[in-house]
N, C-alpha and C. Protein backbone atom coordinates (compact mmCIF):
# COMPACT_ATOMS: atom_id res chain seq x y z
N UNK A 1 36.62 171.15 105.07
CA UNK A 1 36.75 171.42 106.49
C UNK A 1 36.04 172.71 106.83
N UNK A 2 35.48 172.76 107.99
CA UNK A 2 34.75 174.02 108.41
C UNK A 2 35.10 174.34 109.84
N UNK A 3 34.88 175.56 110.23
CA UNK A 3 35.10 175.99 111.62
C UNK A 3 34.08 175.29 112.53
N UNK A 4 34.56 174.81 113.68
CA UNK A 4 33.72 174.15 114.65
C UNK A 4 33.62 175.04 115.89
N UNK A 5 32.42 175.28 116.36
CA UNK A 5 32.25 176.10 117.58
C UNK A 5 32.07 175.11 118.76
N UNK A 6 33.04 175.05 119.62
CA UNK A 6 33.01 174.13 120.76
C UNK A 6 31.91 174.61 121.76
N UNK A 7 31.19 173.63 122.26
CA UNK A 7 30.17 173.90 123.29
C UNK A 7 30.72 173.51 124.66
N UNK A 8 29.84 173.54 125.67
CA UNK A 8 30.24 173.14 126.98
C UNK A 8 30.57 171.64 127.03
N UNK A 9 31.66 171.32 127.65
CA UNK A 9 32.06 169.94 127.70
C UNK A 9 31.12 169.09 128.54
N UNK A 10 31.04 167.78 128.31
CA UNK A 10 30.22 166.91 129.15
C UNK A 10 30.67 166.99 130.62
N UNK A 11 29.70 167.03 131.51
CA UNK A 11 30.01 167.11 132.96
C UNK A 11 30.87 165.92 133.36
N UNK A 12 30.61 164.78 132.75
CA UNK A 12 31.37 163.59 133.14
C UNK A 12 32.90 163.72 132.82
N UNK A 13 33.18 164.44 131.75
CA UNK A 13 34.58 164.63 131.39
C UNK A 13 35.28 165.56 132.41
N UNK A 14 34.58 166.62 132.79
CA UNK A 14 35.13 167.55 133.75
C UNK A 14 35.36 166.83 135.11
N UNK A 15 34.40 166.02 135.50
CA UNK A 15 34.52 165.29 136.76
C UNK A 15 35.66 164.28 136.74
N UNK A 16 35.75 163.58 135.62
CA UNK A 16 36.82 162.57 135.48
C UNK A 16 38.20 163.20 135.49
N UNK A 17 38.33 164.33 134.82
CA UNK A 17 39.62 165.02 134.78
C UNK A 17 40.14 165.40 136.14
N UNK A 18 39.23 165.61 137.08
CA UNK A 18 39.63 166.01 138.43
C UNK A 18 39.85 164.81 139.34
N UNK A 19 39.65 163.60 138.86
CA UNK A 19 39.80 162.43 139.67
C UNK A 19 41.25 161.94 139.71
N UNK A 20 41.53 161.08 140.63
CA UNK A 20 42.91 160.58 140.83
C UNK A 20 43.34 159.69 139.67
N UNK A 21 44.55 159.96 139.13
CA UNK A 21 45.14 159.19 138.05
C UNK A 21 44.21 159.10 136.80
N UNK A 22 43.53 160.19 136.51
CA UNK A 22 42.62 160.22 135.38
C UNK A 22 43.40 160.26 134.08
N UNK A 23 42.97 159.46 133.12
CA UNK A 23 43.53 159.57 131.76
C UNK A 23 42.40 159.19 130.80
N UNK A 24 42.68 159.27 129.51
CA UNK A 24 41.63 159.00 128.51
C UNK A 24 41.20 157.56 128.54
N UNK A 25 42.10 156.67 128.75
CA UNK A 25 41.75 155.26 128.71
C UNK A 25 40.81 154.83 129.82
N UNK A 26 40.88 155.46 130.98
CA UNK A 26 40.00 155.05 132.08
C UNK A 26 38.74 155.99 132.22
N UNK A 27 38.55 156.79 131.23
CA UNK A 27 37.33 157.61 131.15
C UNK A 27 36.17 156.74 130.64
N UNK A 28 35.13 156.63 131.43
CA UNK A 28 34.08 155.61 131.16
C UNK A 28 32.92 156.13 130.29
N UNK A 29 32.75 157.45 130.24
CA UNK A 29 31.60 157.98 129.49
C UNK A 29 32.00 158.43 128.10
N UNK A 30 32.64 157.57 127.33
CA UNK A 30 33.02 157.96 125.97
C UNK A 30 31.79 158.10 125.07
N UNK A 31 30.71 157.39 125.40
CA UNK A 31 29.51 157.53 124.57
C UNK A 31 28.91 158.93 124.73
N UNK A 32 28.91 159.44 125.96
CA UNK A 32 28.46 160.80 126.16
C UNK A 32 29.32 161.81 125.45
N UNK A 33 30.63 161.54 125.40
CA UNK A 33 31.55 162.44 124.72
C UNK A 33 31.29 162.36 123.22
N UNK A 34 31.05 161.18 122.67
CA UNK A 34 30.73 161.10 121.24
C UNK A 34 29.47 161.92 120.90
N UNK A 35 28.46 161.79 121.72
CA UNK A 35 27.25 162.53 121.47
C UNK A 35 27.48 164.01 121.49
N UNK A 36 28.25 164.49 122.40
CA UNK A 36 28.55 165.94 122.47
C UNK A 36 29.32 166.41 121.27
N UNK A 37 30.32 165.65 120.85
CA UNK A 37 31.13 166.06 119.67
C UNK A 37 30.31 166.04 118.40
N UNK A 38 29.50 165.02 118.21
CA UNK A 38 28.69 164.95 116.99
C UNK A 38 27.66 166.08 116.98
N UNK A 39 27.08 166.39 118.11
CA UNK A 39 26.09 167.47 118.14
C UNK A 39 26.71 168.84 117.79
N UNK A 40 27.88 169.16 118.35
CA UNK A 40 28.46 170.47 118.05
C UNK A 40 29.02 170.52 116.65
N UNK A 41 29.33 169.39 116.03
CA UNK A 41 29.83 169.35 114.66
C UNK A 41 28.69 169.17 113.65
N UNK A 42 27.52 169.21 114.15
CA UNK A 42 26.31 169.11 113.32
C UNK A 42 26.28 167.86 112.44
N UNK A 43 26.79 166.72 112.99
CA UNK A 43 26.69 165.42 112.37
C UNK A 43 27.64 165.17 111.24
N UNK A 44 28.72 165.94 111.16
CA UNK A 44 29.70 165.68 110.11
C UNK A 44 31.11 165.61 110.68
N UNK A 45 31.99 164.90 109.98
CA UNK A 45 33.36 164.69 110.41
C UNK A 45 34.14 166.01 110.52
N UNK A 46 34.99 166.07 111.49
CA UNK A 46 35.75 167.32 111.74
C UNK A 46 36.70 167.66 110.58
N UNK A 47 37.06 166.68 109.77
CA UNK A 47 38.07 166.92 108.69
C UNK A 47 37.41 166.83 107.30
N UNK A 48 36.90 165.65 106.94
CA UNK A 48 36.39 165.50 105.54
C UNK A 48 34.97 165.91 105.38
N UNK A 49 34.22 166.06 106.46
CA UNK A 49 32.81 166.46 106.45
C UNK A 49 31.83 165.38 105.96
N UNK A 50 32.25 164.14 106.04
CA UNK A 50 31.32 163.04 105.78
C UNK A 50 30.44 162.90 106.99
N UNK A 51 29.33 162.12 106.85
CA UNK A 51 28.42 161.92 107.93
C UNK A 51 29.03 161.11 109.06
N UNK A 52 28.83 161.53 110.29
CA UNK A 52 29.22 160.74 111.47
C UNK A 52 28.03 160.69 112.39
N UNK A 53 27.92 159.55 113.09
CA UNK A 53 26.91 159.34 114.13
C UNK A 53 27.59 158.89 115.41
N UNK A 54 26.96 159.18 116.54
CA UNK A 54 27.57 158.92 117.84
C UNK A 54 27.45 157.45 118.18
N UNK A 55 28.31 156.68 117.55
CA UNK A 55 28.34 155.22 117.80
C UNK A 55 29.79 154.73 117.73
N UNK A 56 30.16 153.84 118.62
CA UNK A 56 31.53 153.34 118.72
C UNK A 56 32.01 152.78 117.36
N UNK A 57 31.11 152.17 116.64
CA UNK A 57 31.44 151.51 115.37
C UNK A 57 31.31 152.42 114.17
N UNK A 58 30.97 153.68 114.38
CA UNK A 58 30.70 154.59 113.25
C UNK A 58 31.53 155.87 113.28
N UNK A 59 32.33 156.07 114.28
CA UNK A 59 33.15 157.30 114.37
C UNK A 59 34.34 157.09 115.35
N UNK A 60 35.22 158.03 115.35
CA UNK A 60 36.35 158.03 116.22
C UNK A 60 36.37 159.33 117.03
N UNK A 61 36.87 159.25 118.25
CA UNK A 61 37.15 160.41 119.07
C UNK A 61 38.60 160.80 118.75
N UNK A 62 38.75 161.91 118.09
CA UNK A 62 40.06 162.37 117.60
C UNK A 62 40.70 163.34 118.60
N UNK A 63 41.98 163.12 118.87
CA UNK A 63 42.78 164.07 119.63
C UNK A 63 43.57 164.89 118.59
N UNK A 64 43.28 166.19 118.51
CA UNK A 64 43.94 167.06 117.54
C UNK A 64 45.43 166.99 117.78
N UNK A 65 45.85 167.21 119.01
CA UNK A 65 47.21 166.92 119.44
C UNK A 65 47.19 165.56 120.09
N UNK A 66 47.99 164.66 119.55
CA UNK A 66 47.86 163.26 119.90
C UNK A 66 48.19 162.98 121.38
N UNK A 67 47.58 161.91 121.89
CA UNK A 67 47.81 161.51 123.28
C UNK A 67 49.30 161.15 123.48
N UNK A 68 49.90 160.56 122.48
CA UNK A 68 51.30 160.13 122.59
C UNK A 68 52.25 161.32 122.71
N UNK A 69 52.06 162.31 121.86
CA UNK A 69 52.95 163.47 121.81
C UNK A 69 52.64 164.50 122.84
N UNK A 70 51.34 164.70 123.16
CA UNK A 70 50.94 165.73 124.14
C UNK A 70 49.97 165.14 125.12
N UNK A 71 50.45 164.26 126.05
CA UNK A 71 49.56 163.54 126.99
C UNK A 71 48.81 164.48 127.92
N UNK A 72 49.33 165.66 128.17
CA UNK A 72 48.62 166.60 129.08
C UNK A 72 47.28 167.07 128.52
N UNK A 73 47.06 166.91 127.20
CA UNK A 73 45.81 167.36 126.60
C UNK A 73 44.86 166.23 126.24
N UNK A 74 45.11 165.04 126.76
CA UNK A 74 44.28 163.91 126.39
C UNK A 74 42.83 164.00 126.91
N UNK A 75 42.62 164.85 127.95
CA UNK A 75 41.29 165.04 128.48
C UNK A 75 40.82 166.50 128.34
N UNK A 76 41.50 167.28 127.53
CA UNK A 76 41.18 168.64 127.26
C UNK A 76 40.13 168.69 126.15
N UNK A 77 38.94 169.13 126.47
CA UNK A 77 37.82 169.10 125.57
C UNK A 77 38.09 169.89 124.29
N UNK A 78 38.83 170.97 124.37
CA UNK A 78 39.16 171.79 123.23
C UNK A 78 40.08 171.07 122.24
N UNK A 79 40.64 169.96 122.70
CA UNK A 79 41.53 169.17 121.91
C UNK A 79 40.85 167.96 121.27
N UNK A 80 39.58 167.77 121.59
CA UNK A 80 38.83 166.57 121.17
C UNK A 80 37.88 166.87 120.02
N UNK A 81 37.81 166.05 119.04
CA UNK A 81 36.98 166.18 117.83
C UNK A 81 36.34 164.89 117.49
N UNK A 82 35.28 164.94 116.67
CA UNK A 82 34.64 163.75 116.19
C UNK A 82 35.03 163.47 114.75
N UNK A 83 35.62 162.34 114.50
CA UNK A 83 36.08 162.04 113.13
C UNK A 83 35.39 160.76 112.58
N UNK A 84 35.35 160.66 111.27
CA UNK A 84 34.83 159.46 110.64
C UNK A 84 35.82 158.31 110.76
N UNK A 85 35.43 157.10 110.31
CA UNK A 85 36.37 155.97 110.36
C UNK A 85 37.49 156.08 109.37
N UNK A 86 37.33 156.92 108.36
CA UNK A 86 38.45 157.23 107.46
C UNK A 86 39.07 156.08 106.72
N UNK A 87 38.22 155.12 106.24
CA UNK A 87 38.74 154.02 105.48
C UNK A 87 39.55 153.05 106.34
N UNK A 88 39.22 152.93 107.58
CA UNK A 88 39.95 152.01 108.50
C UNK A 88 39.96 150.58 107.92
N UNK A 89 41.12 149.99 107.90
CA UNK A 89 41.27 148.64 107.36
C UNK A 89 41.63 148.59 105.91
N UNK A 90 41.54 149.73 105.22
CA UNK A 90 41.90 149.78 103.81
C UNK A 90 43.42 150.13 103.67
N UNK A 91 43.96 149.99 102.46
CA UNK A 91 45.34 150.39 102.26
C UNK A 91 45.58 151.86 102.64
N UNK A 92 46.81 152.17 103.04
CA UNK A 92 47.11 153.52 103.52
C UNK A 92 46.71 154.63 102.50
N UNK A 93 46.87 154.35 101.20
CA UNK A 93 46.59 155.37 100.20
C UNK A 93 45.08 155.69 100.11
N UNK A 94 44.25 154.83 100.70
CA UNK A 94 42.81 155.10 100.72
C UNK A 94 42.29 155.58 102.06
N UNK A 95 43.15 155.61 103.03
CA UNK A 95 42.77 156.09 104.36
C UNK A 95 42.79 157.61 104.42
N UNK A 96 42.01 158.16 105.31
CA UNK A 96 42.00 159.60 105.47
C UNK A 96 41.57 160.00 106.87
N UNK A 97 41.62 161.28 107.12
CA UNK A 97 41.22 161.86 108.45
C UNK A 97 42.04 161.24 109.59
N UNK A 98 41.46 160.96 110.70
CA UNK A 98 42.20 160.49 111.85
C UNK A 98 42.91 159.16 111.61
N UNK A 99 42.28 158.27 110.83
CA UNK A 99 42.89 156.98 110.56
C UNK A 99 44.23 157.15 109.86
N UNK A 100 44.30 158.05 108.93
CA UNK A 100 45.53 158.34 108.22
C UNK A 100 46.49 159.20 109.07
N UNK A 101 45.95 160.08 109.81
CA UNK A 101 46.76 161.06 110.61
C UNK A 101 47.56 160.38 111.69
N UNK A 102 46.96 159.43 112.40
CA UNK A 102 47.69 158.75 113.48
C UNK A 102 48.11 159.72 114.54
N UNK A 103 49.41 159.64 114.91
CA UNK A 103 49.97 160.52 115.98
C UNK A 103 50.62 161.77 115.47
N UNK A 104 50.39 162.10 114.19
CA UNK A 104 51.00 163.34 113.61
C UNK A 104 50.11 164.53 114.01
N UNK A 105 50.73 165.58 114.42
CA UNK A 105 50.02 166.79 114.84
C UNK A 105 49.83 167.72 113.62
N UNK A 106 48.70 168.39 113.57
CA UNK A 106 48.40 169.36 112.51
C UNK A 106 48.70 170.77 112.93
N UNK A 107 48.94 171.64 111.97
CA UNK A 107 49.20 173.03 112.34
C UNK A 107 47.97 173.85 112.61
N UNK A 108 46.79 173.33 112.18
CA UNK A 108 45.55 174.07 112.40
C UNK A 108 44.46 173.14 112.92
N UNK A 109 43.73 173.67 113.86
CA UNK A 109 42.63 172.93 114.50
C UNK A 109 41.29 173.62 114.08
N UNK A 110 40.35 172.87 113.45
CA UNK A 110 39.12 173.49 112.99
C UNK A 110 38.27 173.98 114.14
N UNK A 111 38.59 173.58 115.38
CA UNK A 111 37.84 174.04 116.56
C UNK A 111 38.52 175.19 117.29
N UNK A 112 39.60 175.71 116.73
CA UNK A 112 40.28 176.85 117.35
C UNK A 112 39.95 178.10 116.56
N UNK A 113 39.21 179.02 117.18
CA UNK A 113 38.80 180.22 116.44
C UNK A 113 39.99 181.02 115.87
N UNK A 114 41.12 180.95 116.54
CA UNK A 114 42.31 181.71 116.10
C UNK A 114 42.84 181.12 114.82
N UNK A 115 42.57 179.87 114.48
CA UNK A 115 43.08 179.23 113.28
C UNK A 115 42.19 179.51 112.07
N UNK A 116 40.89 179.69 112.31
CA UNK A 116 39.93 180.08 111.27
C UNK A 116 40.20 179.34 109.94
N UNK A 117 39.99 178.01 109.96
CA UNK A 117 40.40 177.23 108.80
C UNK A 117 39.61 177.58 107.54
N UNK A 118 38.37 178.08 107.69
CA UNK A 118 37.59 178.44 106.53
C UNK A 118 38.24 179.57 105.73
N UNK A 119 38.99 180.42 106.43
CA UNK A 119 39.65 181.55 105.77
C UNK A 119 40.78 181.06 104.83
N UNK A 120 41.35 179.92 105.12
CA UNK A 120 42.51 179.51 104.30
C UNK A 120 42.20 178.27 103.43
N UNK A 121 40.95 177.87 103.38
CA UNK A 121 40.58 176.69 102.57
C UNK A 121 39.97 177.17 101.24
N UNK A 122 40.34 176.49 100.19
CA UNK A 122 39.82 176.72 98.85
C UNK A 122 39.40 175.40 98.20
N UNK A 123 38.41 175.45 97.34
CA UNK A 123 38.03 174.25 96.55
C UNK A 123 38.14 174.61 95.06
N UNK A 124 38.78 173.72 94.33
CA UNK A 124 38.95 173.94 92.89
C UNK A 124 37.87 173.29 92.09
N UNK A 125 37.87 173.60 90.77
CA UNK A 125 36.89 173.00 89.87
C UNK A 125 37.12 171.52 89.70
N UNK A 126 38.27 171.04 90.15
CA UNK A 126 38.59 169.59 90.14
C UNK A 126 38.17 168.93 91.43
N UNK A 127 37.47 169.68 92.30
CA UNK A 127 36.93 169.16 93.57
C UNK A 127 38.03 168.91 94.60
N UNK A 128 39.23 169.42 94.34
CA UNK A 128 40.31 169.28 95.26
C UNK A 128 40.25 170.35 96.34
N UNK A 129 40.51 169.96 97.58
CA UNK A 129 40.58 170.92 98.68
C UNK A 129 42.03 171.38 98.83
N UNK A 130 42.24 172.71 98.94
CA UNK A 130 43.56 173.27 99.05
C UNK A 130 43.56 174.33 100.16
N UNK A 131 44.76 174.73 100.51
CA UNK A 131 44.92 175.80 101.51
C UNK A 131 45.89 176.84 100.98
N UNK A 132 45.61 178.09 101.32
CA UNK A 132 46.53 179.20 100.97
C UNK A 132 47.75 179.18 101.89
N UNK A 133 47.69 178.42 102.98
CA UNK A 133 48.84 178.24 103.84
C UNK A 133 49.60 177.03 103.39
N UNK A 134 50.86 177.21 102.96
CA UNK A 134 51.65 176.11 102.40
C UNK A 134 51.81 174.89 103.31
N UNK A 135 52.00 175.15 104.58
CA UNK A 135 52.16 174.07 105.55
C UNK A 135 50.86 173.27 105.69
N UNK A 136 49.79 173.99 105.86
CA UNK A 136 48.50 173.33 106.00
C UNK A 136 48.07 172.62 104.71
N UNK A 137 48.43 173.21 103.58
CA UNK A 137 48.12 172.56 102.29
C UNK A 137 48.80 171.23 102.20
N UNK A 138 50.04 171.15 102.62
CA UNK A 138 50.73 169.88 102.59
C UNK A 138 50.05 168.87 103.53
N UNK A 139 49.62 169.35 104.69
CA UNK A 139 49.00 168.46 105.69
C UNK A 139 47.67 167.92 105.15
N UNK A 140 46.92 168.72 104.42
CA UNK A 140 45.64 168.27 103.86
C UNK A 140 45.86 167.04 103.00
N UNK A 141 46.98 167.01 102.30
CA UNK A 141 47.25 165.91 101.41
C UNK A 141 48.07 164.77 102.06
N UNK A 142 49.16 165.14 102.70
CA UNK A 142 50.10 164.13 103.19
C UNK A 142 49.70 163.54 104.55
N UNK A 143 49.02 164.31 105.38
CA UNK A 143 48.63 163.86 106.71
C UNK A 143 47.18 163.37 106.76
N UNK A 144 46.26 164.19 106.22
CA UNK A 144 44.83 163.85 106.28
C UNK A 144 44.35 163.14 105.02
N UNK A 145 45.07 163.29 103.93
CA UNK A 145 44.74 162.62 102.66
C UNK A 145 43.28 162.91 102.21
N UNK A 146 42.97 164.18 102.21
CA UNK A 146 41.59 164.61 101.94
C UNK A 146 41.23 164.72 100.43
N UNK A 147 42.18 164.33 99.59
CA UNK A 147 41.87 164.41 98.17
C UNK A 147 41.91 163.03 97.50
N UNK A 148 41.44 162.03 98.23
CA UNK A 148 41.27 160.71 97.60
C UNK A 148 40.19 160.81 96.53
N UNK A 149 40.17 159.91 95.55
CA UNK A 149 39.10 159.96 94.55
C UNK A 149 37.71 159.89 95.14
N UNK A 150 37.55 159.11 96.21
CA UNK A 150 36.23 158.97 96.85
C UNK A 150 35.75 160.33 97.40
N UNK A 151 36.64 161.01 98.14
CA UNK A 151 36.27 162.28 98.75
C UNK A 151 36.05 163.35 97.70
N UNK A 152 36.87 163.37 96.67
CA UNK A 152 36.66 164.33 95.60
C UNK A 152 35.31 164.12 94.91
N UNK A 153 34.98 162.87 94.68
CA UNK A 153 33.70 162.56 94.07
C UNK A 153 32.52 162.94 94.96
N UNK A 154 32.67 162.73 96.26
CA UNK A 154 31.61 163.10 97.19
C UNK A 154 31.40 164.62 97.22
N UNK A 155 32.46 165.36 97.09
CA UNK A 155 32.31 166.82 97.02
C UNK A 155 31.60 167.23 95.73
N UNK A 156 32.00 166.59 94.66
CA UNK A 156 31.37 166.89 93.36
C UNK A 156 29.86 166.60 93.42
N UNK A 157 29.49 165.48 93.97
CA UNK A 157 28.07 165.16 94.06
C UNK A 157 27.32 166.12 94.99
N UNK A 158 27.95 166.56 96.05
CA UNK A 158 27.34 167.48 96.98
C UNK A 158 27.00 168.82 96.28
N UNK A 159 27.99 169.33 95.52
CA UNK A 159 27.77 170.63 94.85
C UNK A 159 26.82 170.49 93.65
N UNK A 160 27.06 169.52 92.82
CA UNK A 160 26.21 169.35 91.66
C UNK A 160 24.78 169.03 92.06
N UNK A 161 24.60 168.28 93.11
CA UNK A 161 23.28 167.99 93.62
C UNK A 161 22.57 169.20 94.10
N UNK A 162 23.32 170.09 94.81
CA UNK A 162 22.75 171.33 95.26
C UNK A 162 22.31 172.20 94.10
N UNK A 163 23.13 172.36 93.09
CA UNK A 163 22.83 173.21 91.96
C UNK A 163 21.64 172.65 91.19
N UNK A 164 21.62 171.36 90.95
CA UNK A 164 20.52 170.79 90.22
C UNK A 164 19.16 170.93 90.95
N UNK A 165 19.24 170.97 92.27
CA UNK A 165 17.96 171.10 93.03
C UNK A 165 17.37 172.49 93.01
N UNK A 166 18.13 173.46 92.51
CA UNK A 166 17.62 174.83 92.44
C UNK A 166 16.84 175.00 91.09
N UNK A 167 15.81 175.83 91.09
CA UNK A 167 15.10 176.13 89.83
C UNK A 167 16.05 176.66 88.79
N UNK A 168 15.75 176.50 87.54
CA UNK A 168 16.67 176.76 86.44
C UNK A 168 16.89 178.24 86.12
N UNK A 169 15.95 179.08 86.49
CA UNK A 169 16.09 180.48 86.14
C UNK A 169 15.67 181.38 87.30
N UNK A 170 16.23 182.57 87.31
CA UNK A 170 15.89 183.58 88.29
C UNK A 170 16.24 183.22 89.71
N UNK A 171 17.24 182.41 89.91
CA UNK A 171 17.49 181.92 91.27
C UNK A 171 18.79 182.42 91.91
N UNK A 172 19.63 183.11 91.13
CA UNK A 172 20.91 183.45 91.67
C UNK A 172 21.01 184.94 92.08
N UNK A 173 19.89 185.53 92.51
CA UNK A 173 19.94 186.90 93.02
C UNK A 173 20.54 186.90 94.44
N UNK A 174 21.00 188.04 94.86
CA UNK A 174 21.74 188.15 96.13
C UNK A 174 20.93 187.70 97.29
N UNK A 175 19.62 188.02 97.35
CA UNK A 175 18.80 187.65 98.47
C UNK A 175 18.72 186.14 98.67
N UNK A 176 18.50 185.43 97.56
CA UNK A 176 18.39 183.99 97.66
C UNK A 176 19.75 183.32 97.92
N UNK A 177 20.80 183.92 97.37
CA UNK A 177 22.14 183.37 97.62
C UNK A 177 22.43 183.44 99.15
N UNK A 178 22.08 184.53 99.77
CA UNK A 178 22.28 184.70 101.20
C UNK A 178 21.42 183.71 102.00
N UNK A 179 20.19 183.50 101.56
CA UNK A 179 19.32 182.52 102.24
C UNK A 179 19.91 181.15 102.17
N UNK A 180 20.37 180.73 100.96
CA UNK A 180 20.94 179.37 100.82
C UNK A 180 22.27 179.23 101.57
N UNK A 181 23.01 180.32 101.67
CA UNK A 181 24.26 180.33 102.39
C UNK A 181 23.98 180.09 103.89
N UNK A 182 22.97 180.79 104.43
CA UNK A 182 22.63 180.62 105.82
C UNK A 182 22.22 179.18 106.12
N UNK A 183 21.44 178.59 105.19
CA UNK A 183 20.98 177.21 105.37
C UNK A 183 22.13 176.22 105.27
N UNK A 184 22.95 176.38 104.23
CA UNK A 184 24.05 175.45 103.99
C UNK A 184 25.13 175.47 105.05
N UNK A 185 25.38 176.64 105.61
CA UNK A 185 26.42 176.80 106.59
C UNK A 185 25.96 176.54 108.02
N UNK A 186 24.64 176.38 108.18
CA UNK A 186 24.06 176.15 109.50
C UNK A 186 23.81 177.38 110.32
N UNK A 187 23.92 178.57 109.69
CA UNK A 187 23.63 179.79 110.45
C UNK A 187 22.18 179.91 110.82
N UNK A 188 21.29 179.33 110.02
CA UNK A 188 19.87 179.30 110.37
C UNK A 188 19.45 177.86 110.64
N UNK A 189 18.66 177.72 111.68
CA UNK A 189 18.17 176.37 112.01
C UNK A 189 19.20 175.58 112.85
N UNK A 190 18.83 174.36 113.15
CA UNK A 190 19.64 173.52 113.98
C UNK A 190 19.66 172.09 113.36
N UNK A 191 20.28 171.18 114.09
CA UNK A 191 20.32 169.82 113.57
C UNK A 191 21.52 169.56 112.64
N UNK A 192 21.52 168.39 112.04
CA UNK A 192 22.65 167.99 111.20
C UNK A 192 22.73 168.78 109.92
N UNK A 193 24.00 169.04 109.53
CA UNK A 193 24.27 169.61 108.21
C UNK A 193 24.39 168.52 107.18
N UNK A 194 24.28 168.88 105.93
CA UNK A 194 24.48 167.91 104.86
C UNK A 194 25.96 167.56 104.73
N UNK A 195 26.30 166.29 104.48
CA UNK A 195 27.69 165.93 104.32
C UNK A 195 28.34 166.77 103.21
N UNK A 196 29.58 167.12 103.39
CA UNK A 196 30.40 167.85 102.42
C UNK A 196 29.78 169.21 102.09
N UNK A 197 29.05 169.77 103.05
CA UNK A 197 28.34 171.04 102.82
C UNK A 197 29.28 172.20 102.57
N UNK A 198 30.50 172.10 102.97
CA UNK A 198 31.39 173.29 102.88
C UNK A 198 31.74 173.67 101.45
N UNK A 199 31.76 172.69 100.54
CA UNK A 199 32.02 173.06 99.17
C UNK A 199 30.88 173.88 98.60
N UNK A 200 29.65 173.61 99.08
CA UNK A 200 28.50 174.43 98.70
C UNK A 200 28.62 175.83 99.28
N UNK A 201 29.03 175.88 100.51
CA UNK A 201 29.20 177.20 101.20
C UNK A 201 30.27 177.99 100.47
N UNK A 202 31.36 177.37 100.09
CA UNK A 202 32.45 178.06 99.37
C UNK A 202 31.95 178.56 98.03
N UNK A 203 31.21 177.76 97.31
CA UNK A 203 30.66 178.17 96.00
C UNK A 203 29.67 179.34 96.15
N UNK A 204 28.83 179.29 97.17
CA UNK A 204 27.84 180.38 97.40
C UNK A 204 28.55 181.68 97.77
N UNK A 205 29.59 181.61 98.55
CA UNK A 205 30.33 182.78 98.92
C UNK A 205 30.98 183.44 97.71
N UNK A 206 31.49 182.60 96.84
CA UNK A 206 32.08 183.16 95.62
C UNK A 206 31.01 183.82 94.74
N UNK A 207 29.84 183.21 94.65
CA UNK A 207 28.74 183.84 93.85
C UNK A 207 28.32 185.18 94.49
N UNK A 208 28.28 185.20 95.82
CA UNK A 208 27.92 186.45 96.48
C UNK A 208 28.94 187.58 96.28
N UNK A 209 30.20 187.17 96.29
CA UNK A 209 31.26 188.16 96.07
C UNK A 209 31.18 188.77 94.67
N UNK A 210 30.63 188.02 93.71
CA UNK A 210 30.50 188.53 92.34
C UNK A 210 29.15 189.26 92.13
N UNK A 211 28.22 189.09 93.08
CA UNK A 211 26.89 189.66 92.91
C UNK A 211 26.97 191.20 93.11
């Protein structure tokens, strides 16, 4: 999981919110909303960081606080995120992200600067994602199910692939670590980030702290 910087909401959402008897179900420009969410998330899921594209059949529009429990926020752009399909149609133990979450609310929103999820997220040598916050740590497993074998393996491949792509010697000096960190975290450049990039970012930050 990584911090998401929310951009300006689609004009169509603002207009619709001000219309008579507006709700999420009668909002017609959901495709425009998908495109906005995917762009600000740099092409990756708000929770597991797998690839998402702005297509009805390839992603979900996630309400961080569910429509059922908090209907007043169903058209609040700060409450909306782009999520992957999360194993939709598979057994519950293999589902993750919004598909697994359902109407359960989380204690932290990756798009809320005050929550700063990157500060409390850790990755272990077993590719497991954990949190230093006990409540959020439980939610990562019990609500979002972010430690399925598939997701752990995807994180492993992301990090090992990054390391293997680097030259074998003379590459871990502070200057280059900072350069790769800027690239991997999206601080430099634009466009989509690599799926599961945050485990690389976490690893680079640890290397820099030791440098």
